[in-house]
N, C-alpha and C. Protein backbone atom coordinates (compact mmCIF):
# COMPACT_ATOMS: atom_id res chain seq x y z
N MET A 1 25.34 -7.74 -12.04
CA MET A 1 24.73 -8.60 -13.04
C MET A 1 23.35 -8.05 -13.38
N PRO A 2 23.08 -7.82 -14.67
CA PRO A 2 21.79 -7.26 -15.06
C PRO A 2 20.65 -8.26 -14.84
N VAL A 3 19.46 -7.71 -14.62
CA VAL A 3 18.26 -8.53 -14.44
C VAL A 3 17.83 -9.05 -15.81
N PRO A 4 17.54 -10.36 -15.91
CA PRO A 4 17.06 -10.89 -17.19
C PRO A 4 15.74 -10.24 -17.57
N LEU A 5 15.49 -10.14 -18.86
CA LEU A 5 14.28 -9.49 -19.36
C LEU A 5 13.02 -10.14 -18.79
N TYR A 6 13.00 -11.47 -18.72
CA TYR A 6 11.81 -12.14 -18.21
C TYR A 6 11.54 -11.77 -16.76
N GLN A 7 12.60 -11.54 -15.98
CA GLN A 7 12.44 -11.12 -14.58
C GLN A 7 11.90 -9.70 -14.52
N ALA A 8 12.43 -8.83 -15.37
CA ALA A 8 11.95 -7.44 -15.41
C ALA A 8 10.47 -7.40 -15.79
N LYS A 9 10.07 -8.25 -16.74
CA LYS A 9 8.66 -8.31 -17.14
C LYS A 9 7.80 -8.81 -15.98
N ALA A 10 8.26 -9.83 -15.29
CA ALA A 10 7.51 -10.37 -14.15
C ALA A 10 7.35 -9.30 -13.07
N ASP A 11 8.41 -8.55 -12.80
CA ASP A 11 8.34 -7.46 -11.82
C ASP A 11 7.33 -6.40 -12.26
N PHE A 12 7.35 -6.08 -13.56
CA PHE A 12 6.42 -5.10 -14.10
C PHE A 12 4.97 -5.56 -13.90
N PHE A 13 4.68 -6.81 -14.24
CA PHE A 13 3.32 -7.31 -14.10
C PHE A 13 2.91 -7.44 -12.63
N ARG A 14 3.86 -7.70 -11.74
CA ARG A 14 3.56 -7.71 -10.32
C ARG A 14 3.10 -6.32 -9.86
N THR A 15 3.72 -5.29 -10.44
CA THR A 15 3.32 -3.92 -10.12
C THR A 15 1.85 -3.71 -10.46
N LEU A 16 1.40 -4.33 -11.53
CA LEU A 16 0.01 -4.19 -11.95
C LEU A 16 -0.93 -5.11 -11.17
N GLY A 17 -0.39 -5.91 -10.29
CA GLY A 17 -1.16 -6.93 -9.60
C GLY A 17 -1.95 -6.46 -8.38
N HIS A 18 -2.36 -5.22 -8.36
CA HIS A 18 -3.17 -4.73 -7.23
C HIS A 18 -4.35 -3.96 -7.80
N PRO A 19 -5.56 -4.25 -7.33
CA PRO A 19 -6.75 -3.61 -7.90
C PRO A 19 -6.76 -2.08 -7.78
N VAL A 20 -6.21 -1.54 -6.70
CA VAL A 20 -6.19 -0.08 -6.57
C VAL A 20 -5.27 0.53 -7.62
N ARG A 21 -4.15 -0.11 -7.88
CA ARG A 21 -3.23 0.42 -8.90
C ARG A 21 -3.87 0.40 -10.28
N ILE A 22 -4.56 -0.68 -10.59
CA ILE A 22 -5.25 -0.77 -11.88
C ILE A 22 -6.31 0.32 -11.98
N ARG A 23 -7.07 0.51 -10.91
CA ARG A 23 -8.12 1.53 -10.93
C ARG A 23 -7.53 2.92 -11.11
N VAL A 24 -6.41 3.21 -10.46
CA VAL A 24 -5.74 4.50 -10.63
C VAL A 24 -5.36 4.69 -12.09
N LEU A 25 -4.76 3.68 -12.69
CA LEU A 25 -4.35 3.79 -14.09
C LEU A 25 -5.55 4.00 -15.00
N GLU A 26 -6.65 3.30 -14.71
CA GLU A 26 -7.86 3.49 -15.51
C GLU A 26 -8.38 4.92 -15.40
N LEU A 27 -8.37 5.47 -14.20
CA LEU A 27 -8.85 6.84 -14.01
C LEU A 27 -7.94 7.86 -14.69
N LEU A 28 -6.64 7.60 -14.65
CA LEU A 28 -5.69 8.53 -15.27
C LEU A 28 -5.69 8.43 -16.79
N ARG A 29 -6.30 7.40 -17.31
CA ARG A 29 -6.41 7.23 -18.76
C ARG A 29 -7.11 8.44 -19.38
N ASP A 30 -8.03 9.04 -18.63
CA ASP A 30 -8.79 10.19 -19.13
C ASP A 30 -8.09 11.52 -18.90
N GLY A 31 -6.92 11.49 -18.28
CA GLY A 31 -6.16 12.71 -18.05
C GLY A 31 -5.74 12.85 -16.61
N PRO A 32 -4.89 13.83 -16.33
CA PRO A 32 -4.37 14.03 -14.97
C PRO A 32 -5.49 14.28 -13.97
N ARG A 33 -5.24 13.83 -12.74
CA ARG A 33 -6.22 14.02 -11.66
C ARG A 33 -5.51 14.30 -10.35
N PRO A 34 -6.09 15.20 -9.55
CA PRO A 34 -5.53 15.42 -8.22
C PRO A 34 -5.87 14.24 -7.30
N VAL A 35 -5.10 14.08 -6.27
CA VAL A 35 -5.28 12.97 -5.34
C VAL A 35 -6.69 12.95 -4.77
N ARG A 36 -7.25 14.10 -4.44
CA ARG A 36 -8.59 14.13 -3.83
C ARG A 36 -9.64 13.51 -4.77
N GLU A 37 -9.51 13.72 -6.08
CA GLU A 37 -10.43 13.10 -7.04
C GLU A 37 -10.24 11.59 -7.07
N LEU A 38 -8.99 11.16 -7.05
CA LEU A 38 -8.72 9.72 -7.04
C LEU A 38 -9.33 9.08 -5.79
N LEU A 39 -9.18 9.75 -4.66
CA LEU A 39 -9.76 9.23 -3.40
C LEU A 39 -11.28 9.11 -3.50
N ASN A 40 -11.92 10.10 -4.08
CA ASN A 40 -13.39 10.07 -4.22
C ASN A 40 -13.84 8.94 -5.12
N GLU A 41 -13.09 8.66 -6.17
CA GLU A 41 -13.47 7.64 -7.14
C GLU A 41 -13.18 6.22 -6.66
N ILE A 42 -12.07 6.06 -5.95
CA ILE A 42 -11.62 4.71 -5.59
C ILE A 42 -12.17 4.26 -4.25
N GLU A 43 -12.44 5.18 -3.35
CA GLU A 43 -13.01 4.86 -2.04
C GLU A 43 -12.16 3.89 -1.23
N VAL A 44 -10.91 4.27 -1.05
CA VAL A 44 -10.01 3.54 -0.15
C VAL A 44 -9.46 4.56 0.85
N GLU A 45 -8.84 4.06 1.88
CA GLU A 45 -8.20 4.95 2.86
C GLU A 45 -7.10 5.75 2.15
N ALA A 46 -6.92 6.98 2.60
CA ALA A 46 -5.90 7.85 2.00
C ALA A 46 -4.51 7.22 2.07
N SER A 47 -4.22 6.55 3.18
CA SER A 47 -2.90 5.93 3.34
C SER A 47 -2.70 4.80 2.34
N ASN A 48 -3.75 4.03 2.08
CA ASN A 48 -3.67 2.94 1.10
C ASN A 48 -3.42 3.51 -0.29
N LEU A 49 -4.18 4.54 -0.66
CA LEU A 49 -3.99 5.15 -1.97
C LEU A 49 -2.58 5.71 -2.10
N SER A 50 -2.11 6.35 -1.04
CA SER A 50 -0.77 6.92 -1.05
C SER A 50 0.29 5.84 -1.29
N GLN A 51 0.14 4.69 -0.65
CA GLN A 51 1.09 3.59 -0.84
C GLN A 51 1.07 3.10 -2.29
N GLN A 52 -0.14 2.95 -2.84
CA GLN A 52 -0.24 2.43 -4.20
C GLN A 52 0.28 3.45 -5.22
N LEU A 53 0.04 4.72 -4.98
CA LEU A 53 0.59 5.75 -5.87
C LEU A 53 2.11 5.77 -5.80
N ALA A 54 2.66 5.53 -4.63
CA ALA A 54 4.12 5.49 -4.48
C ALA A 54 4.71 4.35 -5.29
N VAL A 55 4.05 3.19 -5.29
CA VAL A 55 4.53 2.06 -6.09
C VAL A 55 4.50 2.42 -7.57
N LEU A 56 3.40 3.02 -8.02
CA LEU A 56 3.28 3.40 -9.43
C LEU A 56 4.30 4.46 -9.81
N ARG A 57 4.59 5.37 -8.90
CA ARG A 57 5.61 6.40 -9.16
C ARG A 57 7.00 5.79 -9.25
N ARG A 58 7.32 4.90 -8.30
CA ARG A 58 8.65 4.27 -8.30
C ARG A 58 8.92 3.49 -9.57
N THR A 59 7.89 2.86 -10.09
CA THR A 59 8.08 2.05 -11.31
C THR A 59 8.00 2.90 -12.58
N GLY A 60 7.65 4.16 -12.44
CA GLY A 60 7.63 5.05 -13.59
C GLY A 60 6.35 4.99 -14.42
N LEU A 61 5.30 4.39 -13.87
CA LEU A 61 4.03 4.33 -14.62
C LEU A 61 3.24 5.62 -14.50
N VAL A 62 3.40 6.34 -13.39
CA VAL A 62 2.74 7.63 -13.23
C VAL A 62 3.76 8.68 -12.82
N SER A 63 3.39 9.92 -13.05
CA SER A 63 4.22 11.03 -12.58
C SER A 63 3.32 11.96 -11.78
N ALA A 64 3.95 12.75 -10.92
CA ALA A 64 3.20 13.64 -10.04
C ALA A 64 3.82 15.03 -10.08
N VAL A 65 2.93 16.03 -10.06
CA VAL A 65 3.39 17.42 -9.95
C VAL A 65 2.54 18.11 -8.89
N ARG A 66 3.16 19.01 -8.17
CA ARG A 66 2.44 19.78 -7.16
C ARG A 66 1.84 20.99 -7.85
N GLU A 67 0.54 21.17 -7.66
CA GLU A 67 -0.16 22.35 -8.18
C GLU A 67 -0.89 22.99 -7.03
N GLY A 68 -0.33 24.08 -6.54
CA GLY A 68 -0.90 24.73 -5.37
C GLY A 68 -0.79 23.83 -4.17
N GLY A 69 -1.94 23.55 -3.55
CA GLY A 69 -1.94 22.71 -2.36
C GLY A 69 -2.21 21.25 -2.63
N SER A 70 -2.26 20.85 -3.88
CA SER A 70 -2.55 19.45 -4.17
C SER A 70 -1.51 18.85 -5.11
N VAL A 71 -1.51 17.54 -5.15
CA VAL A 71 -0.62 16.81 -6.05
C VAL A 71 -1.49 16.21 -7.14
N VAL A 72 -1.06 16.42 -8.39
CA VAL A 72 -1.81 15.93 -9.54
C VAL A 72 -1.00 14.82 -10.19
N TYR A 73 -1.66 13.70 -10.42
CA TYR A 73 -1.02 12.52 -11.03
C TYR A 73 -1.45 12.39 -12.47
N SER A 74 -0.54 11.85 -13.28
CA SER A 74 -0.84 11.56 -14.68
C SER A 74 -0.06 10.33 -15.10
N LEU A 75 -0.48 9.74 -16.20
CA LEU A 75 0.25 8.60 -16.75
C LEU A 75 1.58 9.09 -17.28
N ALA A 76 2.63 8.35 -17.02
CA ALA A 76 3.96 8.74 -17.48
C ALA A 76 4.13 8.45 -18.96
N THR A 77 3.36 7.51 -19.48
CA THR A 77 3.44 7.17 -20.90
C THR A 77 2.05 6.77 -21.41
N PRO A 78 1.71 7.16 -22.61
CA PRO A 78 0.40 6.77 -23.16
C PRO A 78 0.31 5.27 -23.45
N ASP A 79 1.42 4.58 -23.43
CA ASP A 79 1.42 3.14 -23.67
C ASP A 79 0.60 2.38 -22.62
N VAL A 80 0.45 2.98 -21.44
CA VAL A 80 -0.35 2.35 -20.38
C VAL A 80 -1.80 2.19 -20.85
N VAL A 81 -2.30 3.17 -21.59
CA VAL A 81 -3.67 3.10 -22.12
C VAL A 81 -3.79 1.89 -23.05
N ASP A 82 -2.78 1.69 -23.90
CA ASP A 82 -2.78 0.53 -24.80
C ASP A 82 -2.74 -0.77 -24.02
N LEU A 83 -1.96 -0.81 -22.97
CA LEU A 83 -1.85 -2.01 -22.14
C LEU A 83 -3.20 -2.34 -21.49
N LEU A 84 -3.87 -1.33 -20.95
CA LEU A 84 -5.18 -1.55 -20.34
C LEU A 84 -6.20 -2.03 -21.37
N ALA A 85 -6.15 -1.47 -22.57
CA ALA A 85 -7.06 -1.89 -23.64
C ALA A 85 -6.78 -3.34 -24.04
N ALA A 86 -5.50 -3.71 -24.12
CA ALA A 86 -5.15 -5.10 -24.46
C ALA A 86 -5.64 -6.05 -23.38
N ALA A 87 -5.51 -5.67 -22.12
CA ALA A 87 -6.00 -6.51 -21.02
C ALA A 87 -7.51 -6.70 -21.12
N ARG A 88 -8.22 -5.63 -21.47
CA ARG A 88 -9.67 -5.72 -21.63
C ARG A 88 -10.04 -6.69 -22.76
N ARG A 89 -9.33 -6.60 -23.87
CA ARG A 89 -9.59 -7.51 -25.00
C ARG A 89 -9.31 -8.96 -24.61
N ILE A 90 -8.21 -9.20 -23.93
CA ILE A 90 -7.86 -10.56 -23.51
C ILE A 90 -8.92 -11.11 -22.56
N LEU A 91 -9.31 -10.31 -21.58
CA LEU A 91 -10.34 -10.75 -20.63
C LEU A 91 -11.67 -11.02 -21.33
N THR A 92 -12.02 -10.18 -22.29
CA THR A 92 -13.26 -10.38 -23.04
C THR A 92 -13.21 -11.71 -23.78
N ASP A 93 -12.09 -12.00 -24.42
CA ASP A 93 -11.94 -13.28 -25.13
C ASP A 93 -12.03 -14.46 -24.16
N MET A 94 -11.40 -14.32 -23.01
CA MET A 94 -11.41 -15.40 -22.03
C MET A 94 -12.83 -15.65 -21.52
N ILE A 95 -13.53 -14.59 -21.20
CA ILE A 95 -14.89 -14.73 -20.68
C ILE A 95 -15.82 -15.26 -21.75
N THR A 96 -15.64 -14.82 -22.98
CA THR A 96 -16.46 -15.33 -24.08
C THR A 96 -16.25 -16.83 -24.23
N GLY A 97 -15.00 -17.26 -24.17
CA GLY A 97 -14.70 -18.69 -24.26
C GLY A 97 -15.33 -19.47 -23.12
N GLN A 98 -15.33 -18.91 -21.94
CA GLN A 98 -15.93 -19.58 -20.79
C GLN A 98 -17.45 -19.65 -20.95
N GLY A 99 -18.03 -18.60 -21.53
CA GLY A 99 -19.47 -18.60 -21.76
C GLY A 99 -19.88 -19.68 -22.74
N GLU A 100 -19.06 -19.87 -23.76
CA GLU A 100 -19.33 -20.92 -24.74
C GLU A 100 -19.22 -22.29 -24.10
N LEU A 101 -18.22 -22.48 -23.26
CA LEU A 101 -18.05 -23.75 -22.55
C LEU A 101 -19.23 -23.99 -21.62
N LEU A 102 -19.67 -22.96 -20.92
CA LEU A 102 -20.82 -23.09 -20.02
C LEU A 102 -22.06 -23.51 -20.81
N ALA A 103 -22.28 -22.91 -21.96
CA ALA A 103 -23.44 -23.27 -22.78
C ALA A 103 -23.38 -24.74 -23.20
N GLU A 104 -22.18 -25.20 -23.57
CA GLU A 104 -22.02 -26.60 -23.95
C GLU A 104 -22.32 -27.51 -22.75
N LEU A 105 -21.82 -27.16 -21.58
CA LEU A 105 -22.06 -27.98 -20.39
C LEU A 105 -23.55 -28.01 -20.04
N GLN A 106 -24.21 -26.87 -20.16
CA GLN A 106 -25.64 -26.83 -19.86
C GLN A 106 -26.44 -27.63 -20.87
N ALA A 107 -26.06 -27.57 -22.14
CA ALA A 107 -26.74 -28.33 -23.18
C ALA A 107 -26.56 -29.82 -22.94
N GLU A 108 -25.33 -30.21 -22.54
CA GLU A 108 -25.04 -31.60 -22.27
C GLU A 108 -25.84 -32.10 -21.06
N ALA A 109 -25.98 -31.27 -20.04
CA ALA A 109 -26.73 -31.65 -18.85
C ALA A 109 -28.23 -31.79 -19.14
N ALA A 110 -28.73 -31.04 -20.13
CA ALA A 110 -30.14 -31.08 -20.46
C ALA A 110 -30.51 -32.33 -21.26
N GLU A 111 -29.53 -32.99 -21.80
CA GLU A 111 -29.79 -34.19 -22.62
C GLU A 111 -30.22 -35.37 -21.80
């Protein structure tokens, strides 16, 4: 029995539900990077990064190639960049709305 589309979408968004995975995708937005660079930028244990990269690889969001003695990761599709940009826009709108609400609450409290 095939997985319903809404379930597949939920699984996809769960994949994005870890801060290290999001940070990896953000770093790869600028182009392929070897694991050692990702480790320097993210500042997590190597084993943790390895686990998160494995999740991203399994879901097809990133791809990896061996170059000499290192593994270089890249985004599997440029659509990930669009997704990250959309998330930034949504968060900006949400925070802006909260800021406006906060201003109203503060104005009301000052009365």
